[in-house]
Amino acid sequence: MRIAIAGAGKVGKAIARELLTNGHDVLLIDRDPAEVRPESIPGARMLLADACEATALESADLSSCQIMIAATG
């Protein structure tokens, strides 16, 4: 299953790790470059973007995701 997570902080990363362990395709979206370093969650795809911006969500190809999780303030 393809899953996008808006927010790559502690909660978003914890969810991503669990989903990756269960074989899902995970995309983490965050506007903080320090949070979307590829080495922080091996196996997850990262997108440096503001998930509140429609253009950022379009570039994330959310229409191909089965689930979208909001893990941000």
PDB file of N, CA and C in Angstrom:
ATOM      1  N   MET A   1       0.846  -1.172   0.000  1.00  0.00           N
ATOM      2  CA  MET A   1       0.000   0.000   0.000  1.00  0.00           C
ATOM      3  C   MET A   1       0.896   1.241   0.000  1.00  0.00           C
ATOM      4  N   ARG A   2       0.524   2.256  -0.752  1.00  0.00           N
ATOM      5  CA  ARG A   2       1.274   3.513  -0.779  1.00  0.00           C
ATOM      6  C   ARG A   2       0.632   4.481   0.219  1.00  0.00           C
ATOM      7  N   ILE A   3       1.461   4.987   1.119  1.00  0.00           N
ATOM      8  CA  ILE A   3       0.965   5.840   2.198  1.00  0.00           C
ATOM      9  C   ILE A   3       1.819   7.094   2.276  1.00  0.00           C
ATOM     10  N   ALA A   4       1.161   8.259   2.325  1.00  0.00           N
ATOM     11  CA  ALA A   4       1.853   9.533   2.495  1.00  0.00           C
ATOM     12  C   ALA A   4       1.629  10.018   3.925  1.00  0.00           C
ATOM     13  N   ILE A   5       2.685  10.567   4.509  1.00  0.00           N
ATOM     14  CA  ILE A   5       2.597  11.108   5.869  1.00  0.00           C
ATOM     15  C   ILE A   5       3.065  12.556   5.834  1.00  0.00           C
ATOM     16  N   ALA A   6       2.182  13.463   6.204  1.00  0.00           N
ATOM     17  CA  ALA A   6       2.540  14.871   6.320  1.00  0.00           C
ATOM     18  C   ALA A   6       3.047  15.094   7.739  1.00  0.00           C
ATOM     19  N   GLY A   7       4.313  15.411   7.848  1.00  0.00           N
ATOM     20  CA  GLY A   7       4.941  15.613   9.149  1.00  0.00           C
ATOM     21  C   GLY A   7       5.959  14.519   9.408  1.00  0.00           C
ATOM     22  N   ALA A   8       7.225  14.888   9.400  1.00  0.00           N
ATOM     23  CA  ALA A   8       8.306  13.906   9.579  1.00  0.00           C
ATOM     24  C   ALA A   8       8.996  14.095  10.927  1.00  0.00           C
ATOM     25  N   GLY A   9       8.228  14.527  11.916  1.00  0.00           N
ATOM     26  CA  GLY A   9       8.769  14.637  13.272  1.00  0.00           C
ATOM     27  C   GLY A   9       8.729  13.277  13.952  1.00  0.00           C
ATOM     28  N   LYS A  10       8.732  13.274  15.269  1.00  0.00           N
ATOM     29  CA  LYS A  10       8.759  12.012  16.018  1.00  0.00           C
ATOM     30  C   LYS A  10       7.574  11.115  15.688  1.00  0.00           C
ATOM     31  N   VAL A  11       6.381  11.679  15.658  1.00  0.00           N
ATOM     32  CA  VAL A  11       5.176  10.875  15.401  1.00  0.00           C
ATOM     33  C   VAL A  11       5.173  10.344  13.975  1.00  0.00           C
ATOM     34  N   GLY A  12       5.411  11.222  13.003  1.00  0.00           N
ATOM     35  CA  GLY A  12       5.420  10.803  11.606  1.00  0.00           C
ATOM     36  C   GLY A  12       6.458   9.735  11.334  1.00  0.00           C
ATOM     37  N   LYS A  13       7.642   9.891  11.906  1.00  0.00           N
ATOM     38  CA  LYS A  13       8.706   8.906  11.698  1.00  0.00           C
ATOM     39  C   LYS A  13       8.383   7.578  12.382  1.00  0.00           C
ATOM     40  N   ALA A  14       7.772   7.629  13.541  1.00  0.00           N
ATOM     41  CA  ALA A  14       7.387   6.388  14.236  1.00  0.00           C
ATOM     42  C   ALA A  14       6.346   5.627  13.405  1.00  0.00           C
ATOM     43  N   ILE A  15       5.388   6.333  12.858  1.00  0.00           N
ATOM     44  CA  ILE A  15       4.380   5.695  12.003  1.00  0.00           C
ATOM     45  C   ILE A  15       5.055   5.120  10.760  1.00  0.00           C
ATOM     46  N   ALA A  16       5.958   5.895  10.160  1.00  0.00           N
ATOM     47  CA  ALA A  16       6.659   5.441   8.953  1.00  0.00           C
ATOM     48  C   ALA A  16       7.451   4.163   9.215  1.00  0.00           C
ATOM     49  N   ARG A  17       8.157   4.107  10.312  1.00  0.00           N
ATOM     50  CA  ARG A  17       8.939   2.901  10.640  1.00  0.00           C
ATOM     51  C   ARG A  17       8.039   1.670  10.737  1.00  0.00           C
ATOM     52  N   GLU A  18       6.919   1.822  11.412  1.00  0.00           N
ATOM     53  CA  GLU A  18       5.988   0.704  11.567  1.00  0.00           C
ATOM     54  C   GLU A  18       5.440   0.260  10.213  1.00  0.00           C
ATOM     55  N   LEU A  19       5.073   1.221   9.388  1.00  0.00           N
ATOM     56  CA  LEU A  19       4.524   0.891   8.075  1.00  0.00           C
ATOM     57  C   LEU A  19       5.572   0.225   7.183  1.00  0.00           C
ATOM     58  N   LEU A  20       6.803   0.730   7.213  1.00  0.00           N
ATOM     59  CA  LEU A  20       7.883   0.132   6.416  1.00  0.00           C
ATOM     60  C   LEU A  20       8.163  -1.301   6.863  1.00  0.00           C
ATOM     61  N   THR A  21       8.118  -1.535   8.170  1.00  0.00           N
ATOM     62  CA  THR A  21       8.326  -2.879   8.709  1.00  0.00           C
ATOM     63  C   THR A  21       7.277  -3.852   8.165  1.00  0.00           C
ATOM     64  N   ASN A  22       6.107  -3.326   7.883  1.00  0.00           N
ATOM     65  CA  ASN A  22       5.016  -4.158   7.377  1.00  0.00           C
ATOM     66  C   ASN A  22       4.920  -4.139   5.849  1.00  0.00           C
ATOM     67  N   GLY A  23       5.963  -3.652   5.192  1.00  0.00           N
ATOM     68  CA  GLY A  23       6.052  -3.752   3.742  1.00  0.00           C
ATOM     69  C   GLY A  23       5.354  -2.690   2.921  1.00  0.00           C
ATOM     70  N   HIS A  24       4.975  -1.585   3.532  1.00  0.00           N
ATOM     71  CA  HIS A  24       4.289  -0.525   2.802  1.00  0.00           C
ATOM     72  C   HIS A  24       5.279   0.451   2.166  1.00  0.00           C
ATOM     73  N   ASP A  25       4.804   1.152   1.133  1.00  0.00           N
ATOM     74  CA  ASP A  25       5.562   2.189   0.441  1.00  0.00           C
ATOM     75  C   ASP A  25       5.216   3.515   1.123  1.00  0.00           C
ATOM     76  N   VAL A  26       6.205   4.154   1.741  1.00  0.00           N
ATOM     77  CA  VAL A  26       5.949   5.337   2.572  1.00  0.00           C
ATOM     78  C   VAL A  26       6.626   6.580   1.999  1.00  0.00           C
ATOM     79  N   LEU A  27       5.861   7.665   1.947  1.00  0.00           N
ATOM     80  CA  LEU A  27       6.365   8.982   1.563  1.00  0.00           C
ATOM     81  C   LEU A  27       6.178   9.923   2.743  1.00  0.00           C
ATOM     82  N   LEU A  28       7.274  10.497   3.239  1.00  0.00           N
ATOM     83  CA  LEU A  28       7.208  11.492   4.319  1.00  0.00           C
ATOM     84  C   LEU A  28       7.339  12.876   3.711  1.00  0.00           C
ATOM     85  N   ILE A  29       6.463  13.790   4.113  1.00  0.00           N
ATOM     86  CA  ILE A  29       6.466  15.162   3.607  1.00  0.00           C
ATOM     87  C   ILE A  29       6.695  16.103   4.784  1.00  0.00           C
ATOM     88  N   ASP A  30       7.698  16.953   4.671  1.00  0.00           N
ATOM     89  CA  ASP A  30       7.947  17.936   5.730  1.00  0.00           C
ATOM     90  C   ASP A  30       8.657  19.142   5.121  1.00  0.00           C
ATOM     91  N   ARG A  31       8.445  20.297   5.706  1.00  0.00           N
ATOM     92  CA  ARG A  31       9.086  21.513   5.192  1.00  0.00           C
ATOM     93  C   ARG A  31      10.435  21.794   5.844  1.00  0.00           C
ATOM     94  N   ASP A  32      10.803  20.999   6.839  1.00  0.00           N
ATOM     95  CA  ASP A  32      12.076  21.177   7.543  1.00  0.00           C
ATOM     96  C   ASP A  32      13.132  20.250   6.934  1.00  0.00           C
ATOM     97  N   PRO A  33      14.169  20.810   6.315  1.00  0.00           N
ATOM     98  CA  PRO A  33      15.190  19.965   5.687  1.00  0.00           C
ATOM     99  C   PRO A  33      15.848  18.982   6.661  1.00  0.00           C
ATOM    100  N   ALA A  34      15.950  19.348   7.912  1.00  0.00           N
ATOM    101  CA  ALA A  34      16.570  18.461   8.899  1.00  0.00           C
ATOM    102  C   ALA A  34      15.729  17.211   9.143  1.00  0.00           C
ATOM    103  N   GLU A  35      14.426  17.287   8.891  1.00  0.00           N
ATOM    104  CA  GLU A  35      13.534  16.145   9.144  1.00  0.00           C
ATOM    105  C   GLU A  35      13.432  15.190   7.964  1.00  0.00           C
ATOM    106  N   VAL A  36      13.760  15.638   6.765  1.00  0.00           N
ATOM    107  CA  VAL A  36      13.580  14.788   5.586  1.00  0.00           C
ATOM    108  C   VAL A  36      14.911  14.304   5.000  1.00  0.00           C
ATOM    109  N   ARG A  37      15.873  14.076   5.870  1.00  0.00           N
ATOM    110  CA  ARG A  37      17.143  13.486   5.428  1.00  0.00           C
ATOM    111  C   ARG A  37      16.893  12.007   5.131  1.00  0.00           C
ATOM    112  N   PRO A  38      17.282  11.546   3.943  1.00  0.00           N
ATOM    113  CA  PRO A  38      17.001  10.145   3.569  1.00  0.00           C
ATOM    114  C   PRO A  38      17.536   9.118   4.557  1.00  0.00           C
ATOM    115  N   GLU A  39      18.647   9.409   5.206  1.00  0.00           N
ATOM    116  CA  GLU A  39      19.213   8.433   6.141  1.00  0.00           C
ATOM    117  C   GLU A  39      18.434   8.342   7.452  1.00  0.00           C
ATOM    118  N   SER A  40      17.520   9.278   7.707  1.00  0.00           N
ATOM    119  CA  SER A  40      16.780   9.240   8.972  1.00  0.00           C
ATOM    120  C   SER A  40      15.766   8.099   9.021  1.00  0.00           C
ATOM    121  N   ILE A  41      15.202   7.728   7.886  1.00  0.00           N
ATOM    122  CA  ILE A  41      14.268   6.603   7.806  1.00  0.00           C
ATOM    123  C   ILE A  41      14.604   5.822   6.529  1.00  0.00           C
ATOM    124  N   PRO A  42      15.521   4.863   6.629  1.00  0.00           N
ATOM    125  CA  PRO A  42      15.885   4.088   5.442  1.00  0.00           C
ATOM    126  C   PRO A  42      14.670   3.379   4.842  1.00  0.00           C
ATOM    127  N   GLY A  43      14.528   3.494   3.544  1.00  0.00           N
ATOM    128  CA  GLY A  43      13.422   2.843   2.848  1.00  0.00           C
ATOM    129  C   GLY A  43      12.255   3.760   2.557  1.00  0.00           C
ATOM    130  N   ALA A  44      12.147   4.860   3.271  1.00  0.00           N
ATOM    131  CA  ALA A  44      11.059   5.812   3.024  1.00  0.00           C
ATOM    132  C   ALA A  44      11.504   6.832   1.976  1.00  0.00           C
ATOM    133  N   ARG A  45      10.547   7.280   1.206  1.00  0.00           N
ATOM    134  CA  ARG A  45      10.820   8.385   0.291  1.00  0.00           C
ATOM    135  C   ARG A  45      10.528   9.675   1.044  1.00  0.00           C
ATOM    136  N   MET A  46      11.286  10.708   0.737  1.00  0.00           N
ATOM    137  CA  MET A  46      11.153  11.986   1.431  1.00  0.00           C
ATOM    138  C   MET A  46      10.834  13.088   0.435  1.00  0.00           C
ATOM    139  N   LEU A  47       9.985  14.018   0.849  1.00  0.00           N
ATOM    140  CA  LEU A  47       9.668  15.177   0.032  1.00  0.00           C
ATOM    141  C   LEU A  47       9.790  16.418   0.905  1.00  0.00           C
ATOM    142  N   LEU A  48      10.699  17.297   0.525  1.00  0.00           N
ATOM    143  CA  LEU A  48      10.864  18.572   1.227  1.00  0.00           C
ATOM    144  C   LEU A  48       9.829  19.535   0.665  1.00  0.00           C
ATOM    145  N   ALA A  49       8.766  19.734   1.413  1.00  0.00           N
ATOM    146  CA  ALA A  49       7.668  20.582   0.951  1.00  0.00           C
ATOM    147  C   ALA A  49       6.747  20.906   2.118  1.00  0.00           C
ATOM    148  N   ASP A  50       5.947  21.942   1.930  1.00  0.00           N
ATOM    149  CA  ASP A  50       4.934  22.331   2.909  1.00  0.00           C
ATOM    150  C   ASP A  50       3.635  21.621   2.533  1.00  0.00           C
ATOM    151  N   ALA A  51       3.193  20.695   3.355  1.00  0.00           N
ATOM    152  CA  ALA A  51       1.997  19.909   3.061  1.00  0.00           C
ATOM    153  C   ALA A  51       0.713  20.741   3.086  1.00  0.00           C
ATOM    154  N   CYS A  52       0.810  22.009   3.459  1.00  0.00           N
ATOM    155  CA  CYS A  52      -0.354  22.898   3.413  1.00  0.00           C
ATOM    156  C   CYS A  52      -0.512  23.537   2.031  1.00  0.00           C
ATOM    157  N   GLU A  53       0.467  23.351   1.170  1.00  0.00           N
ATOM    158  CA  GLU A  53       0.443  23.935  -0.169  1.00  0.00           C
ATOM    159  C   GLU A  53      -0.084  22.909  -1.174  1.00  0.00           C
ATOM    160  N   ALA A  54      -1.100  23.288  -1.926  1.00  0.00           N
ATOM    161  CA  ALA A  54      -1.699  22.371  -2.900  1.00  0.00           C
ATOM    162  C   ALA A  54      -0.687  21.911  -3.940  1.00  0.00           C
ATOM    163  N   THR A  55       0.195  22.788  -4.362  1.00  0.00           N
ATOM    164  CA  THR A  55       1.183  22.404  -5.377  1.00  0.00           C
ATOM    165  C   THR A  55       2.137  21.342  -4.843  1.00  0.00           C
ATOM    166  N   ALA A  56       2.461  21.415  -3.568  1.00  0.00           N
ATOM    167  CA  ALA A  56       3.335  20.408  -2.960  1.00  0.00           C
ATOM    168  C   ALA A  56       2.639  19.055  -2.937  1.00  0.00           C
ATOM    169  N   LEU A  57       1.365  19.051  -2.627  1.00  0.00           N
ATOM    170  CA  LEU A  57       0.612  17.798  -2.586  1.00  0.00           C
ATOM    171  C   LEU A  57       0.449  17.212  -3.980  1.00  0.00           C
ATOM    172  N   GLU A  58       0.315  18.065  -4.987  1.00  0.00           N
ATOM    173  CA  GLU A  58       0.241  17.581  -6.363  1.00  0.00           C
ATOM    174  C   GLU A  58       1.557  16.919  -6.769  1.00  0.00           C
ATOM    175  N   SER A  59       2.672  17.523  -6.386  1.00  0.00           N
ATOM    176  CA  SER A  59       3.975  16.951  -6.743  1.00  0.00           C
ATOM    177  C   SER A  59       4.231  15.643  -5.992  1.00  0.00           C
ATOM    178  N   ALA A  60       3.538  15.419  -4.889  1.00  0.00           N
ATOM    179  CA  ALA A  60       3.675  14.178  -4.133  1.00  0.00           C
ATOM    180  C   ALA A  60       2.865  13.050  -4.763  1.00  0.00           C
ATOM    181  N   ASP A  61       2.064  13.363  -5.781  1.00  0.00           N
ATOM    182  CA  ASP A  61       1.232  12.371  -6.471  1.00  0.00           C
ATOM    183  C   ASP A  61       0.330  11.632  -5.487  1.00  0.00           C
ATOM    184  N   LEU A  62      -0.403  12.401  -4.691  1.00  0.00           N
ATOM    185  CA  LEU A  62      -1.275  11.795  -3.679  1.00  0.00           C
ATOM    186  C   LEU A  62      -2.402  10.956  -4.266  1.00  0.00           C
ATOM    187  N   SER A  63      -2.729  11.195  -5.517  1.00  0.00           N
ATOM    188  CA  SER A  63      -3.809  10.401  -6.120  1.00  0.00           C
ATOM    189  C   SER A  63      -3.434   8.923  -6.211  1.00  0.00           C
ATOM    190  N   SER A  64      -2.129   8.615  -6.134  1.00  0.00           N
ATOM    191  CA  SER A  64      -1.709   7.224  -6.163  1.00  0.00           C
ATOM    192  C   SER A  64      -1.582   6.619  -4.766  1.00  0.00           C
ATOM    193  N   CYS A  65      -1.857   7.401  -3.752  1.00  0.00           N
ATOM    194  CA  CYS A  65      -1.782   6.915  -2.359  1.00  0.00           C
ATOM    195  C   CYS A  65      -3.141   6.367  -1.930  1.00  0.00           C
ATOM    196  N   GLN A  66      -3.105   5.290  -1.171  1.00  0.00           N
ATOM    197  CA  GLN A  66      -4.340   4.753  -0.613  1.00  0.00           C
ATOM    198  C   GLN A  66      -4.683   5.425   0.712  1.00  0.00           C
ATOM    199  N   ILE A  67      -3.650   5.928   1.407  1.00  0.00           N
ATOM    200  CA  ILE A  67      -3.862   6.555   2.713  1.00  0.00           C
ATOM    201  C   ILE A  67      -3.005   7.806   2.808  1.00  0.00           C
ATOM    202  N   MET A  68      -3.551   8.839   3.443  1.00  0.00           N
ATOM    203  CA  MET A  68      -2.831  10.065   3.758  1.00  0.00           C
ATOM    204  C   MET A  68      -2.956  10.284   5.257  1.00  0.00           C
ATOM    205  N   ILE A  69      -1.824  10.435   5.924  1.00  0.00           N
ATOM    206  CA  ILE A  69      -1.813  10.625   7.378  1.00  0.00           C
ATOM    207  C   ILE A  69      -1.291  12.026   7.684  1.00  0.00           C
ATOM    208  N   ALA A  70      -2.012  12.764   8.504  1.00  0.00           N
ATOM    209  CA  ALA A  70      -1.564  14.074   8.968  1.00  0.00           C
ATOM    210  C   ALA A  70      -0.959  13.894  10.350  1.00  0.00           C
ATOM    211  N   ALA A  71       0.360  14.043  10.434  1.00  0.00           N
ATOM    212  CA  ALA A  71       1.072  13.887  11.706  1.00  0.00           C
ATOM    213  C   ALA A  71       1.845  15.156  12.002  1.00  0.00           C
ATOM    214  N   THR A  72       1.168  16.269  11.860  1.00  0.00           N
ATOM    215  CA  THR A  72       1.800  17.575  12.040  1.00  0.00           C
ATOM    216  C   THR A  72       0.860  18.483  12.806  1.00  0.00           C
ATOM    217  N   GLY A  73       1.425  19.513  13.401  1.00  0.00           N
ATOM    218  CA  GLY A  73       0.615  20.483  14.144  1.00  0.00           C
ATOM    219  C   GLY A  73      -0.083  21.394  13.239  1.00  0.00           C
TER     220      GLY A  73
END
